[in-house]
Amino acid sequence: MEGLLLGLAAGDAAGWPAARHRAARMPEWTRRLTRELDTFAEQNATTTLPVPIALNQPPEPLRLGPSDDAEWAAFTAGTVLTAAGGLFDGLGADRRMRAAIDLAWSSLAGEIAAAADRAPEVESAVLPLRARISVRAGLGNLAAGL
């Protein structure tokens, strides 16, 4: 299991999407410039696409690191370990897993709800994670009690 997670994290870190995700930690103007260069490349049929850039900024955010696939794999592994632990001893194996999944997602949805409660309006809430739109929508529904 450890090798599987490490392999997934290494492959995820080296991929194009992960570099784009890490670029979100750079100043906004560097991301804007990358988008402008990307638009230029598309409009001018240029095959060399821009990569996230640091220019005169510290490059630490662009160094290899996990992205959402590795983070969700770790989240899932933690949920599996919770199911295997003593928290749900009175339940059968299938019910333990279901209870652990419910607990993990409900806890995360609670963090989303708390962030929304702190914001003057839901749209301006600073969420404690970056996620794909389907994950954000699902967590929002859980946070709303749906």
C-alpha atoms as a PDB file:
ATOM      1  CA  MET A   1       0.000   0.000   0.000  1.00  0.00           C
ATOM      2  CA  GLU A   2       2.830   2.400   0.857  1.00  0.00           C
ATOM      3  CA  GLY A   3       4.533   1.787  -2.503  1.00  0.00           C
ATOM      4  CA  LEU A   4       1.255   2.318  -4.319  1.00  0.00           C
ATOM      5  CA  LEU A   5       0.679   5.674  -2.628  1.00  0.00           C
ATOM      6  CA  LEU A   6       4.280   6.797  -3.138  1.00  0.00           C
ATOM      7  CA  GLY A   7       4.172   5.811  -6.814  1.00  0.00           C
ATOM      8  CA  LEU A   8       0.905   7.634  -7.321  1.00  0.00           C
ATOM      9  CA  ALA A   9       2.255  10.731  -5.548  1.00  0.00           C
ATOM     10  CA  ALA A  10       5.480  10.738  -7.601  1.00  0.00           C
ATOM     11  CA  GLY A  11       3.644  10.325 -10.901  1.00  0.00           C
ATOM     12  CA  ASP A  12       1.077  12.913  -9.904  1.00  0.00           C
ATOM     13  CA  ALA A  13       3.762  15.427  -8.892  1.00  0.00           C
ATOM     14  CA  ALA A  14       5.562  15.114 -12.228  1.00  0.00           C
ATOM     15  CA  GLY A  15       2.450  15.635 -14.348  1.00  0.00           C
ATOM     16  CA  TRP A  16       1.239  18.706 -16.192  1.00  0.00           C
ATOM     17  CA  PRO A  17      -1.952  19.152 -14.111  1.00  0.00           C
ATOM     18  CA  ALA A  18       0.034  19.203 -10.863  1.00  0.00           C
ATOM     19  CA  ALA A  19       2.257  21.996 -12.164  1.00  0.00           C
ATOM     20  CA  ARG A  20      -0.832  24.000 -13.050  1.00  0.00           C
ATOM     21  CA  HIS A  21      -2.341  23.337  -9.616  1.00  0.00           C
ATOM     22  CA  ARG A  22       0.848  24.453  -7.852  1.00  0.00           C
ATOM     23  CA  ALA A  23       0.902  27.632  -9.941  1.00  0.00           C
ATOM     24  CA  ALA A  24      -2.167  28.760  -7.980  1.00  0.00           C
ATOM     25  CA  ARG A  25       0.236  29.469  -5.113  1.00  0.00           C
ATOM     26  CA  MET A  26       2.125  32.005  -7.240  1.00  0.00           C
ATOM     27  CA  PRO A  27       1.219  35.711  -7.432  1.00  0.00           C
ATOM     28  CA  GLU A  28      -1.847  36.380  -9.576  1.00  0.00           C
ATOM     29  CA  TRP A  29       0.082  38.328 -12.206  1.00  0.00           C
ATOM     30  CA  THR A  30       2.270  35.295 -13.017  1.00  0.00           C
ATOM     31  CA  ARG A  31      -0.846  33.183 -13.595  1.00  0.00           C
ATOM     32  CA  ARG A  32      -2.372  35.954 -15.739  1.00  0.00           C
ATOM     33  CA  LEU A  33       0.777  36.103 -17.855  1.00  0.00           C
ATOM     34  CA  THR A  34       0.722  32.328 -18.326  1.00  0.00           C
ATOM     35  CA  ARG A  35      -2.935  32.526 -19.436  1.00  0.00           C
ATOM     36  CA  GLU A  36      -2.090  35.321 -21.882  1.00  0.00           C
ATOM     37  CA  LEU A  37       0.778  33.294 -23.343  1.00  0.00           C
ATOM     38  CA  ASP A  38      -1.508  30.270 -23.586  1.00  0.00           C
ATOM     39  CA  THR A  39      -4.112  32.332 -25.460  1.00  0.00           C
ATOM     40  CA  PHE A  40      -1.411  33.677 -27.789  1.00  0.00           C
ATOM     41  CA  ALA A  41      -0.181  30.134 -28.487  1.00  0.00           C
ATOM     42  CA  GLU A  42      -3.699  28.951 -29.266  1.00  0.00           C
ATOM     43  CA  GLN A  43      -4.537  31.897 -31.519  1.00  0.00           C
ATOM     44  CA  ASN A  44      -1.239  31.625 -33.416  1.00  0.00           C
ATOM     45  CA  ALA A  45      -1.108  27.827 -33.757  1.00  0.00           C
ATOM     46  CA  THR A  46       2.029  27.638 -31.613  1.00  0.00           C
ATOM     47  CA  THR A  47       2.729  24.121 -30.410  1.00  0.00           C
ATOM     48  CA  THR A  48       5.041  25.053 -27.538  1.00  0.00           C
ATOM     49  CA  LEU A  49       2.665  25.791 -24.702  1.00  0.00           C
ATOM     50  CA  PRO A  50       3.665  27.996 -21.784  1.00  0.00           C
ATOM     51  CA  VAL A  51       4.422  26.351 -18.483  1.00  0.00           C
ATOM     52  CA  PRO A  52       3.783  27.995 -15.115  1.00  0.00           C
ATOM     53  CA  ILE A  53       6.476  30.616 -14.563  1.00  0.00           C
ATOM     54  CA  ALA A  54       8.035  32.307 -11.555  1.00  0.00           C
ATOM     55  CA  LEU A  55      10.019  35.093 -13.292  1.00  0.00           C
ATOM     56  CA  ASN A  56      11.499  37.131 -10.423  1.00  0.00           C
ATOM     57  CA  GLN A  57       9.400  35.371  -7.753  1.00  0.00           C
ATOM     58  CA  PRO A  58      10.602  32.619  -5.388  1.00  0.00           C
ATOM     59  CA  PRO A  59      10.049  29.333  -7.275  1.00  0.00           C
ATOM     60  CA  GLU A  60       9.185  27.158  -4.255  1.00  0.00           C
ATOM     61  CA  PRO A  61       5.485  26.818  -5.147  1.00  0.00           C
ATOM     62  CA  LEU A  62       6.459  25.377  -8.549  1.00  0.00           C
ATOM     63  CA  ARG A  63       8.691  22.638  -7.156  1.00  0.00           C
ATOM     64  CA  LEU A  64       7.454  19.069  -7.400  1.00  0.00           C
ATOM     65  CA  GLY A  65       4.693  18.268  -4.948  1.00  0.00           C
ATOM     66  CA  PRO A  66       1.455  16.336  -4.788  1.00  0.00           C
ATOM     67  CA  SER A  67      -1.685  17.385  -6.551  1.00  0.00           C
ATOM     68  CA  ASP A  68      -5.315  16.521  -6.044  1.00  0.00           C
ATOM     69  CA  ASP A  69      -5.048  12.877  -7.155  1.00  0.00           C
ATOM     70  CA  ALA A  70      -2.392  12.086  -4.545  1.00  0.00           C
ATOM     71  CA  GLU A  71      -4.196  14.118  -1.898  1.00  0.00           C
ATOM     72  CA  TRP A  72      -7.495  12.308  -2.504  1.00  0.00           C
ATOM     73  CA  ALA A  73      -5.673   8.957  -2.502  1.00  0.00           C
ATOM     74  CA  ALA A  74      -4.231   9.837   0.920  1.00  0.00           C
ATOM     75  CA  PHE A  75      -7.695  10.940   2.090  1.00  0.00           C
ATOM     76  CA  THR A  76      -9.113   7.597   0.908  1.00  0.00           C
ATOM     77  CA  ALA A  77      -6.282   5.614   2.526  1.00  0.00           C
ATOM     78  CA  GLY A  78      -6.938   7.418   5.804  1.00  0.00           C
ATOM     79  CA  THR A  79     -10.607   6.505   5.518  1.00  0.00           C
ATOM     80  CA  VAL A  80      -9.741   2.836   4.904  1.00  0.00           C
ATOM     81  CA  LEU A  81      -7.431   2.869   7.936  1.00  0.00           C
ATOM     82  CA  THR A  82     -10.196   4.418  10.039  1.00  0.00           C
ATOM     83  CA  ALA A  83     -12.544   1.616   8.963  1.00  0.00           C
ATOM     84  CA  ALA A  84      -9.933  -0.977   9.947  1.00  0.00           C
ATOM     85  CA  GLY A  85      -9.319   0.665  13.346  1.00  0.00           C
ATOM     86  CA  GLY A  86     -11.289   0.249  16.530  1.00  0.00           C
ATOM     87  CA  LEU A  87     -13.723   3.135  16.054  1.00  0.00           C
ATOM     88  CA  PHE A  88     -16.379   0.944  14.432  1.00  0.00           C
ATOM     89  CA  ASP A  89     -15.696  -2.414  16.133  1.00  0.00           C
ATOM     90  CA  GLY A  90     -19.374  -3.195  16.687  1.00  0.00           C
ATOM     91  CA  LEU A  91     -20.120  -3.178  12.959  1.00  0.00           C
ATOM     92  CA  GLY A  92     -19.526  -5.754  10.234  1.00  0.00           C
ATOM     93  CA  ALA A  93     -16.731  -5.124   7.708  1.00  0.00           C
ATOM     94  CA  ASP A  94     -18.993  -3.604   5.045  1.00  0.00           C
ATOM     95  CA  ARG A  95     -20.773  -1.388   7.593  1.00  0.00           C
ATOM     96  CA  ARG A  96     -17.413  -0.259   9.076  1.00  0.00           C
ATOM     97  CA  MET A  97     -16.259   0.945   5.662  1.00  0.00           C
ATOM     98  CA  ARG A  98     -19.543   2.745   5.015  1.00  0.00           C
ATOM     99  CA  ALA A  99     -19.415   4.391   8.464  1.00  0.00           C
ATOM    100  CA  ALA A 100     -15.788   5.483   7.910  1.00  0.00           C
ATOM    101  CA  ILE A 101     -16.664   6.961   4.501  1.00  0.00           C
ATOM    102  CA  ASP A 102     -19.664   8.780   5.976  1.00  0.00           C
ATOM    103  CA  LEU A 103     -17.505  10.145   8.810  1.00  0.00           C
ATOM    104  CA  ALA A 104     -14.689  11.307   6.496  1.00  0.00           C
ATOM    105  CA  TRP A 105     -16.934  13.091   4.006  1.00  0.00           C
ATOM    106  CA  SER A 106     -19.247  14.516   6.681  1.00  0.00           C
ATOM    107  CA  SER A 107     -16.234  15.917   8.561  1.00  0.00           C
ATOM    108  CA  LEU A 108     -14.908  17.544   5.396  1.00  0.00           C
ATOM    109  CA  ALA A 109     -18.378  18.896   4.583  1.00  0.00           C
ATOM    110  CA  GLY A 110     -18.480  20.332   8.121  1.00  0.00           C
ATOM    111  CA  GLU A 111     -15.282  22.257   7.382  1.00  0.00           C
ATOM    112  CA  ILE A 112     -16.894  23.592   4.192  1.00  0.00           C
ATOM    113  CA  ALA A 113     -20.032  24.619   6.116  1.00  0.00           C
ATOM    114  CA  ALA A 114     -17.914  26.367   8.766  1.00  0.00           C
ATOM    115  CA  ALA A 115     -16.043  28.303   6.063  1.00  0.00           C
ATOM    116  CA  ALA A 116     -19.347  29.302   4.463  1.00  0.00           C
ATOM    117  CA  ASP A 117     -20.705  30.430   7.857  1.00  0.00           C
ATOM    118  CA  ARG A 118     -17.681  32.699   8.375  1.00  0.00           C
ATOM    119  CA  ALA A 119     -18.160  34.405   4.998  1.00  0.00           C
ATOM    120  CA  PRO A 120     -20.546  37.316   4.428  1.00  0.00           C
ATOM    121  CA  GLU A 121     -21.983  35.356   1.474  1.00  0.00           C
ATOM    122  CA  VAL A 122     -21.473  31.763   0.341  1.00  0.00           C
ATOM    123  CA  GLU A 123     -19.786  32.741  -2.935  1.00  0.00           C
ATOM    124  CA  SER A 124     -16.986  34.562  -1.090  1.00  0.00           C
ATOM    125  CA  ALA A 125     -16.223  31.700   1.320  1.00  0.00           C
ATOM    126  CA  VAL A 126     -12.555  30.730   1.505  1.00  0.00           C
ATOM    127  CA  LEU A 127     -12.727  26.951   1.365  1.00  0.00           C
ATOM    128  CA  PRO A 128     -10.110  24.811   3.131  1.00  0.00           C
ATOM    129  CA  LEU A 129      -9.307  22.881  -0.062  1.00  0.00           C
ATOM    130  CA  ARG A 130      -8.958  23.106  -3.809  1.00  0.00           C
ATOM    131  CA  ALA A 131     -10.987  20.481  -5.618  1.00  0.00           C
ATOM    132  CA  ARG A 132     -12.648  19.625  -8.884  1.00  0.00           C
ATOM    133  CA  ILE A 133     -16.060  21.140  -9.406  1.00  0.00           C
ATOM    134  CA  SER A 134     -17.891  17.840  -8.867  1.00  0.00           C
ATOM    135  CA  VAL A 135     -16.158  17.341  -5.500  1.00  0.00           C
ATOM    136  CA  ARG A 136     -16.887  20.923  -4.454  1.00  0.00           C
ATOM    137  CA  ALA A 137     -20.540  20.544  -5.480  1.00  0.00           C
ATOM    138  CA  GLY A 138     -20.879  17.264  -3.591  1.00  0.00           C
ATOM    139  CA  LEU A 139     -19.275  18.700  -0.469  1.00  0.00           C
ATOM    140  CA  GLY A 140     -21.475  21.774  -0.738  1.00  0.00           C
ATOM    141  CA  ASN A 141     -24.556  19.550  -0.886  1.00  0.00           C
ATOM    142  CA  LEU A 142     -23.386  17.551   2.139  1.00  0.00           C
ATOM    143  CA  ALA A 143     -22.634  20.778   4.012  1.00  0.00           C
ATOM    144  CA  ALA A 144     -26.156  22.006   3.220  1.00  0.00           C
ATOM    145  CA  GLY A 145     -27.617  18.765   4.567  1.00  0.00           C
ATOM    146  CA  LEU A 146     -28.765  17.395   1.213  1.00  0.00           C
END
